[in-house]
C-alpha atoms as a PDB file:
ATOM      1  CA  MET A   1     -40.106  18.700  66.349  1.00  0.00           C
ATOM      2  CA  LYS A   2     -39.673  20.282  62.918  1.00  0.00           C
ATOM      3  CA  LEU A   3     -36.268  21.177  61.495  1.00  0.00           C
ATOM      4  CA  ILE A   4     -35.279  22.408  58.053  1.00  0.00           C
ATOM      5  CA  LEU A   5     -32.537  20.244  56.574  1.00  0.00           C
ATOM      6  CA  ALA A   6     -30.219  22.637  54.761  1.00  0.00           C
ATOM      7  CA  THR A   7     -29.068  20.508  51.825  1.00  0.00           C
ATOM      8  CA  ASN A   8     -30.025  19.912  48.205  1.00  0.00           C
ATOM      9  CA  ASN A   9     -28.149  16.588  48.085  1.00  0.00           C
ATOM     10  CA  ALA A  10     -30.807  13.925  47.453  1.00  0.00           C
ATOM     11  CA  HIS A  11     -28.507  11.095  48.619  1.00  0.00           C
ATOM     12  CA  LYS A  12     -27.848  12.797  51.959  1.00  0.00           C
ATOM     13  CA  ILE A  13     -31.579  13.483  52.415  1.00  0.00           C
ATOM     14  CA  ILE A  14     -32.392   9.763  51.937  1.00  0.00           C
ATOM     15  CA  GLU A  15     -29.707   8.707  54.451  1.00  0.00           C
ATOM     16  CA  ILE A  16     -30.736  11.311  57.025  1.00  0.00           C
ATOM     17  CA  GLU A  17     -34.476  10.561  56.728  1.00  0.00           C
ATOM     18  CA  LYS A  18     -33.694   6.857  57.308  1.00  0.00           C
ATOM     19  CA  ILE A  19     -31.861   7.721  60.539  1.00  0.00           C
ATOM     20  CA  LEU A  20     -34.300  10.208  62.085  1.00  0.00           C
ATOM     21  CA  PRO A  21     -36.890   8.899  64.541  1.00  0.00           C
ATOM     22  CA  ALA A  22     -40.585   9.646  63.976  1.00  0.00           C
ATOM     23  CA  ASN A  23     -40.633  12.454  66.562  1.00  0.00           C
ATOM     24  CA  ILE A  24     -38.182  14.569  64.513  1.00  0.00           C
ATOM     25  CA  ASN A  25     -39.474  15.869  61.198  1.00  0.00           C
ATOM     26  CA  ALA A  26     -36.795  17.066  58.758  1.00  0.00           C
ATOM     27  CA  ILE A  27     -38.174  19.342  56.063  1.00  0.00           C
ATOM     28  CA  THR A  28     -36.039  19.557  52.945  1.00  0.00           C
ATOM     29  CA  LEU A  29     -35.251  22.886  51.291  1.00  0.00           C
ATOM     30  CA  LYS A  30     -37.543  21.888  48.423  1.00  0.00           C
ATOM     31  CA  GLN A  31     -40.410  21.149  50.833  1.00  0.00           C
ATOM     32  CA  ALA A  32     -39.780  24.494  52.541  1.00  0.00           C
ATOM     33  CA  GLY A  33     -40.032  26.250  49.159  1.00  0.00           C
ATOM     34  CA  ILE A  34     -36.395  27.355  49.248  1.00  0.00           C
ATOM     35  CA  GLU A  35     -34.471  27.222  46.004  1.00  0.00           C
ATOM     36  CA  ILE A  36     -30.897  28.158  46.739  1.00  0.00           C
ATOM     37  CA  ASP A  37     -27.485  26.655  46.107  1.00  0.00           C
ATOM     38  CA  ILE A  38     -25.814  27.400  49.432  1.00  0.00           C
ATOM     39  CA  PRO A  39     -22.133  28.318  49.033  1.00  0.00           C
ATOM     40  CA  GLU A  40     -19.409  26.280  50.736  1.00  0.00           C
ATOM     41  CA  PRO A  41     -16.561  28.806  50.618  1.00  0.00           C
ATOM     42  CA  HIS A  42     -14.625  27.780  53.719  1.00  0.00           C
ATOM     43  CA  ASP A  43     -11.610  25.544  54.248  1.00  0.00           C
ATOM     44  CA  THR A  44     -13.065  23.498  57.110  1.00  0.00           C
ATOM     45  CA  LEU A  45     -16.101  21.231  57.325  1.00  0.00           C
ATOM     46  CA  GLU A  46     -17.155  23.024  60.500  1.00  0.00           C
ATOM     47  CA  ALA A  47     -17.202  26.464  58.852  1.00  0.00           C
ATOM     48  CA  ASN A  48     -19.137  25.185  55.826  1.00  0.00           C
ATOM     49  CA  ALA A  49     -21.740  23.469  58.016  1.00  0.00           C
ATOM     50  CA  ILE A  50     -22.175  26.693  60.002  1.00  0.00           C
ATOM     51  CA  GLU A  51     -22.438  28.771  56.803  1.00  0.00           C
ATOM     52  CA  LYS A  52     -25.207  26.556  55.423  1.00  0.00           C
ATOM     53  CA  ALA A  53     -27.210  26.514  58.657  1.00  0.00           C
ATOM     54  CA  ARG A  54     -26.850  30.281  59.172  1.00  0.00           C
ATOM     55  CA  THR A  55     -27.897  30.977  55.570  1.00  0.00           C
ATOM     56  CA  ILE A  56     -31.145  29.013  55.943  1.00  0.00           C
ATOM     57  CA  HIS A  57     -31.796  30.317  59.459  1.00  0.00           C
ATOM     58  CA  SER A  58     -31.374  33.932  58.351  1.00  0.00           C
ATOM     59  CA  MET A  59     -33.764  33.334  55.420  1.00  0.00           C
ATOM     60  CA  THR A  60     -36.454  31.581  57.456  1.00  0.00           C
ATOM     61  CA  GLY A  61     -35.910  32.322  61.159  1.00  0.00           C
ATOM     62  CA  LYS A  62     -36.682  28.634  61.732  1.00  0.00           C
ATOM     63  CA  ASN A  63     -34.807  25.858  63.511  1.00  0.00           C
ATOM     64  CA  CYS A  64     -32.562  24.074  61.040  1.00  0.00           C
ATOM     65  CA  PHE A  65     -29.494  21.916  60.630  1.00  0.00           C
ATOM     66  CA  SER A  66     -26.913  21.332  57.959  1.00  0.00           C
ATOM     67  CA  GLU A  67     -23.974  19.049  57.498  1.00  0.00           C
ATOM     68  CA  ASP A  68     -20.715  18.989  55.632  1.00  0.00           C
ATOM     69  CA  THR A  69     -18.835  15.781  54.972  1.00  0.00           C
ATOM     70  CA  GLY A  70     -15.360  15.105  53.695  1.00  0.00           C
ATOM     71  CA  LEU A  71     -13.143  12.143  52.915  1.00  0.00           C
ATOM     72  CA  GLU A  72      -9.756  12.630  54.568  1.00  0.00           C
ATOM     73  CA  VAL A  73      -6.939  10.431  53.253  1.00  0.00           C
ATOM     74  CA  ALA A  74      -3.886  10.078  55.507  1.00  0.00           C
ATOM     75  CA  ALA A  75      -1.260   9.698  52.748  1.00  0.00           C
ATOM     76  CA  LEU A  76      -2.634  12.788  50.961  1.00  0.00           C
ATOM     77  CA  ASN A  77      -2.398  15.040  54.046  1.00  0.00           C
ATOM     78  CA  GLY A  78      -6.159  14.925  54.567  1.00  0.00           C
ATOM     79  CA  GLU A  79      -7.166  15.481  50.927  1.00  0.00           C
ATOM     80  CA  PRO A  80      -9.700  15.759  49.437  1.00  0.00           C
ATOM     81  CA  GLY A  81     -11.288  16.852  52.746  1.00  0.00           C
ATOM     82  CA  VAL A  82     -13.457  19.932  52.433  1.00  0.00           C
ATOM     83  CA  TYR A  83     -13.076  19.756  48.633  1.00  0.00           C
ATOM     84  CA  SER A  84     -14.373  16.172  48.393  1.00  0.00           C
ATOM     85  CA  ALA A  85     -17.330  16.982  46.109  1.00  0.00           C
ATOM     86  CA  ARG A  86     -15.226  19.167  43.792  1.00  0.00           C
ATOM     87  CA  TYR A  87     -11.930  17.260  43.972  1.00  0.00           C
ATOM     88  CA  ALA A  88     -11.724  16.794  40.190  1.00  0.00           C
ATOM     89  CA  GLY A  89     -13.591  19.983  39.256  1.00  0.00           C
ATOM     90  CA  ASP A  90     -16.704  22.063  39.789  1.00  0.00           C
ATOM     91  CA  GLU A  91     -19.044  19.628  38.009  1.00  0.00           C
ATOM     92  CA  LYS A  92     -18.987  17.413  41.146  1.00  0.00           C
ATOM     93  CA  SER A  93     -18.479  14.146  39.225  1.00  0.00           C
ATOM     94  CA  SER A  94     -18.121  11.169  41.575  1.00  0.00           C
ATOM     95  CA  GLU A  95     -16.476   9.112  38.813  1.00  0.00           C
ATOM     96  CA  LYS A  96     -13.845  11.790  38.110  1.00  0.00           C
ATOM     97  CA  ASN A  97     -13.258  12.382  41.817  1.00  0.00           C
ATOM     98  CA  ILE A  98     -12.649   8.661  42.381  1.00  0.00           C
ATOM     99  CA  GLU A  99     -10.398   8.506  39.332  1.00  0.00           C
ATOM    100  CA  LYS A 100      -8.282  11.396  40.646  1.00  0.00           C
ATOM    101  CA  LEU A 101      -8.132   9.902  44.133  1.00  0.00           C
ATOM    102  CA  LEU A 102      -6.992   6.480  42.902  1.00  0.00           C
ATOM    103  CA  GLN A 103      -4.436   8.141  40.603  1.00  0.00           C
ATOM    104  CA  ASN A 104      -3.050  10.179  43.516  1.00  0.00           C
ATOM    105  CA  LEU A 105      -2.792   7.013  45.625  1.00  0.00           C
ATOM    106  CA  LYS A 106      -1.105   4.963  42.892  1.00  0.00           C
ATOM    107  CA  ASN A 107       1.892   3.061  44.327  1.00  0.00           C
ATOM    108  CA  ILE A 108       1.096   4.292  47.871  1.00  0.00           C
ATOM    109  CA  GLN A 109       0.872   1.525  50.464  1.00  0.00           C
ATOM    110  CA  ASN A 110      -0.861   3.526  53.211  1.00  0.00           C
ATOM    111  CA  ARG A 111      -4.543   3.506  52.199  1.00  0.00           C
ATOM    112  CA  LYS A 112      -5.917   4.724  55.550  1.00  0.00           C
ATOM    113  CA  ALA A 113      -8.718   7.261  55.341  1.00  0.00           C
ATOM    114  CA  GLN A 114     -11.684   8.565  57.274  1.00  0.00           C
ATOM    115  CA  PHE A 115     -15.036   9.992  56.400  1.00  0.00           C
ATOM    116  CA  ARG A 116     -15.934  12.888  58.688  1.00  0.00           C
ATOM    117  CA  THR A 117     -19.338  14.555  59.028  1.00  0.00           C
ATOM    118  CA  VAL A 118     -19.916  17.789  60.903  1.00  0.00           C
ATOM    119  CA  ILE A 119     -23.465  18.928  61.677  1.00  0.00           C
ATOM    120  CA  CYS A 120     -24.473  22.431  62.705  1.00  0.00           C
ATOM    121  CA  LEU A 121     -27.859  22.701  64.404  1.00  0.00           C
ATOM    122  CA  ILE A 122     -29.431  26.091  64.986  1.00  0.00           C
ATOM    123  CA  LEU A 123     -32.131  25.618  67.594  1.00  0.00           C
ATOM    124  CA  TYR A 124     -33.917  28.556  69.219  1.00  0.00           C
ATOM    125  CA  GLU A 125     -31.133  30.920  68.052  1.00  0.00           C
ATOM    126  CA  LYS A 126     -28.307  28.812  69.516  1.00  0.00           C
ATOM    127  CA  GLU A 127     -25.725  26.859  67.496  1.00  0.00           C
ATOM    128  CA  HIS A 128     -24.737  23.311  68.381  1.00  0.00           C
ATOM    129  CA  MET A 129     -22.103  21.154  66.639  1.00  0.00           C
ATOM    130  CA  PHE A 130     -21.965  17.358  66.263  1.00  0.00           C
ATOM    131  CA  GLU A 131     -19.315  15.212  64.590  1.00  0.00           C
ATOM    132  CA  GLY A 132     -19.151  11.649  63.325  1.00  0.00           C
ATOM    133  CA  VAL A 133     -16.065   9.823  62.037  1.00  0.00           C
ATOM    134  CA  CYS A 134     -15.740   6.516  60.200  1.00  0.00           C
ATOM    135  CA  ASP A 135     -12.229   5.086  59.771  1.00  0.00           C
ATOM    136  CA  GLY A 136     -11.381   2.784  56.910  1.00  0.00           C
ATOM    137  CA  ILE A 137      -9.227   2.233  53.847  1.00  0.00           C
ATOM    138  CA  ILE A 138      -9.294   3.231  50.192  1.00  0.00           C
ATOM    139  CA  THR A 139      -9.445   0.261  47.823  1.00  0.00           C
ATOM    140  CA  HIS A 140      -7.361  -0.010  44.651  1.00  0.00           C
ATOM    141  CA  GLU A 141     -10.431  -0.020  42.429  1.00  0.00           C
ATOM    142  CA  ALA A 142     -14.104   0.854  42.647  1.00  0.00           C
ATOM    143  CA  ALA A 143     -16.601  -1.839  43.674  1.00  0.00           C
ATOM    144  CA  GLY A 144     -20.380  -1.721  44.086  1.00  0.00           C
ATOM    145  CA  VAL A 145     -23.190   0.348  42.625  1.00  0.00           C
ATOM    146  CA  GLY A 146     -24.914   1.691  45.743  1.00  0.00           C
ATOM    147  CA  GLY A 147     -24.210   4.813  47.734  1.00  0.00           C
ATOM    148  CA  PHE A 148     -22.679   7.963  46.287  1.00  0.00           C
ATOM    149  CA  GLY A 149     -19.499  10.019  46.310  1.00  0.00           C
ATOM    150  CA  TYR A 150     -16.490   7.907  47.272  1.00  0.00           C
ATOM    151  CA  ASP A 151     -18.549   4.973  48.615  1.00  0.00           C
ATOM    152  CA  ALA A 152     -17.278   2.621  45.883  1.00  0.00           C
ATOM    153  CA  VAL A 153     -13.646   2.916  47.050  1.00  0.00           C
ATOM    154  CA  PHE A 154     -14.093   3.087  50.845  1.00  0.00           C
ATOM    155  CA  VAL A 155     -14.157   0.023  53.112  1.00  0.00           C
ATOM    156  CA  PRO A 156     -14.888   0.916  56.749  1.00  0.00           C
ATOM    157  CA  ASP A 157     -12.803  -0.714  59.492  1.00  0.00           C
ATOM    158  CA  GLY A 158     -14.372  -4.022  60.516  1.00  0.00           C
ATOM    159  CA  ALA A 159     -16.040  -4.574  57.120  1.00  0.00           C
ATOM    160  CA  THR A 160     -15.053  -6.491  53.993  1.00  0.00           C
ATOM    161  CA  LYS A 161     -17.206  -4.555  51.515  1.00  0.00           C
ATOM    162  CA  THR A 162     -17.163  -0.999  50.221  1.00  0.00           C
ATOM    163  CA  PHE A 163     -20.003   1.296  51.245  1.00  0.00           C
ATOM    164  CA  ALA A 164     -21.257   0.999  47.646  1.00  0.00           C
ATOM    165  CA  GLU A 165     -21.587  -2.787  48.038  1.00  0.00           C
ATOM    166  CA  MET A 166     -23.688  -2.427  51.200  1.00  0.00           C
ATOM    167  CA  THR A 167     -27.373  -1.854  51.729  1.00  0.00           C
ATOM    168  CA  LEU A 168     -28.224   1.460  53.387  1.00  0.00           C
ATOM    169  CA  GLU A 169     -28.895  -0.423  56.638  1.00  0.00           C
ATOM    170  CA  GLU A 170     -25.439  -2.055  56.473  1.00  0.00           C
ATOM    171  CA  LYS A 171     -23.768   1.277  55.691  1.00  0.00           C
ATOM    172  CA  ASN A 172     -25.547   2.949  58.605  1.00  0.00           C
ATOM    173  CA  ALA A 173     -23.961   0.449  61.006  1.00  0.00           C
ATOM    174  CA  TYR A 174     -20.603   2.142  60.261  1.00  0.00           C
ATOM    175  CA  SER A 175     -21.541   5.510  58.799  1.00  0.00           C
ATOM    176  CA  HIS A 176     -19.949   8.792  59.849  1.00  0.00           C
ATOM    177  CA  ARG A 177     -23.225  10.551  59.000  1.00  0.00           C
ATOM    178  CA  ARG A 178     -25.124   8.102  61.224  1.00  0.00           C
ATOM    179  CA  LYS A 179     -22.744   8.742  64.136  1.00  0.00           C
ATOM    180  CA  ALA A 180     -23.156  12.513  63.845  1.00  0.00           C
ATOM    181  CA  MET A 181     -26.928  12.213  63.411  1.00  0.00           C
ATOM    182  CA  ASP A 182     -27.191   9.924  66.455  1.00  0.00           C
ATOM    183  CA  LYS A 183     -25.529  12.645  68.545  1.00  0.00           C
ATOM    184  CA  LEU A 184     -27.963  15.228  67.157  1.00  0.00           C
ATOM    185  CA  VAL A 185     -30.970  12.997  67.878  1.00  0.00           C
ATOM    186  CA  THR A 186     -29.751  12.241  71.419  1.00  0.00           C
ATOM    187  CA  PHE A 187     -29.334  15.966  72.040  1.00  0.00           C
ATOM    188  CA  LEU A 188     -32.838  16.753  70.749  1.00  0.00           C
ATOM    189  CA  ASN A 189     -34.410  13.932  72.748  1.00  0.00           C
ATOM    190  CA  ILE A 190     -32.977  15.149  76.063  1.00  0.00           C
ATOM    191  CA  LEU A 191     -34.373  18.649  75.622  1.00  0.00           C
ATOM    192  CA  PRO A 192     -37.236  19.522  77.940  1.00  0.00           C
ATOM    193  CA  THR A 193     -40.550  19.421  76.084  1.00  0.00           C
END
């Protein structure tokens, strides 16, 4: 099965390609010859995921899927959430986003947070939604050089290392994106051939 993966984020592409089984072929926007920065104008992950999938589907008419992911911090009323990539400004700087997050959590004891991924699949003109959540805590300082985004300050429940200190295989044992992708893959694999 071929699906267009509606993202330009190279880190997400690597993670998703690692998760997908051989029978599902995800074609990146670049591979599909599509050069577009898809807008994310909505205030929910669900609406942004739908927007991205619908944009690519309307351009190509092909089966596709997209995802939107946010870090939701309990003590900050779910911030940065849908604005995770642009938390500290439109330049999407992970370092500045982490800096702002740690500053906003200064002197706050409750460090509980969750990463949440929402996937929208458009398959044969029908939309399907899948969600994955990873609970954890925000550390007091960044640690590790792997991963991307907020990985250096997030330790998933049941782990002792940040996502940025883990290998991709270790991260995928906990990952919100992995959980959502597993649901997508299960759905695709039960379809009649």
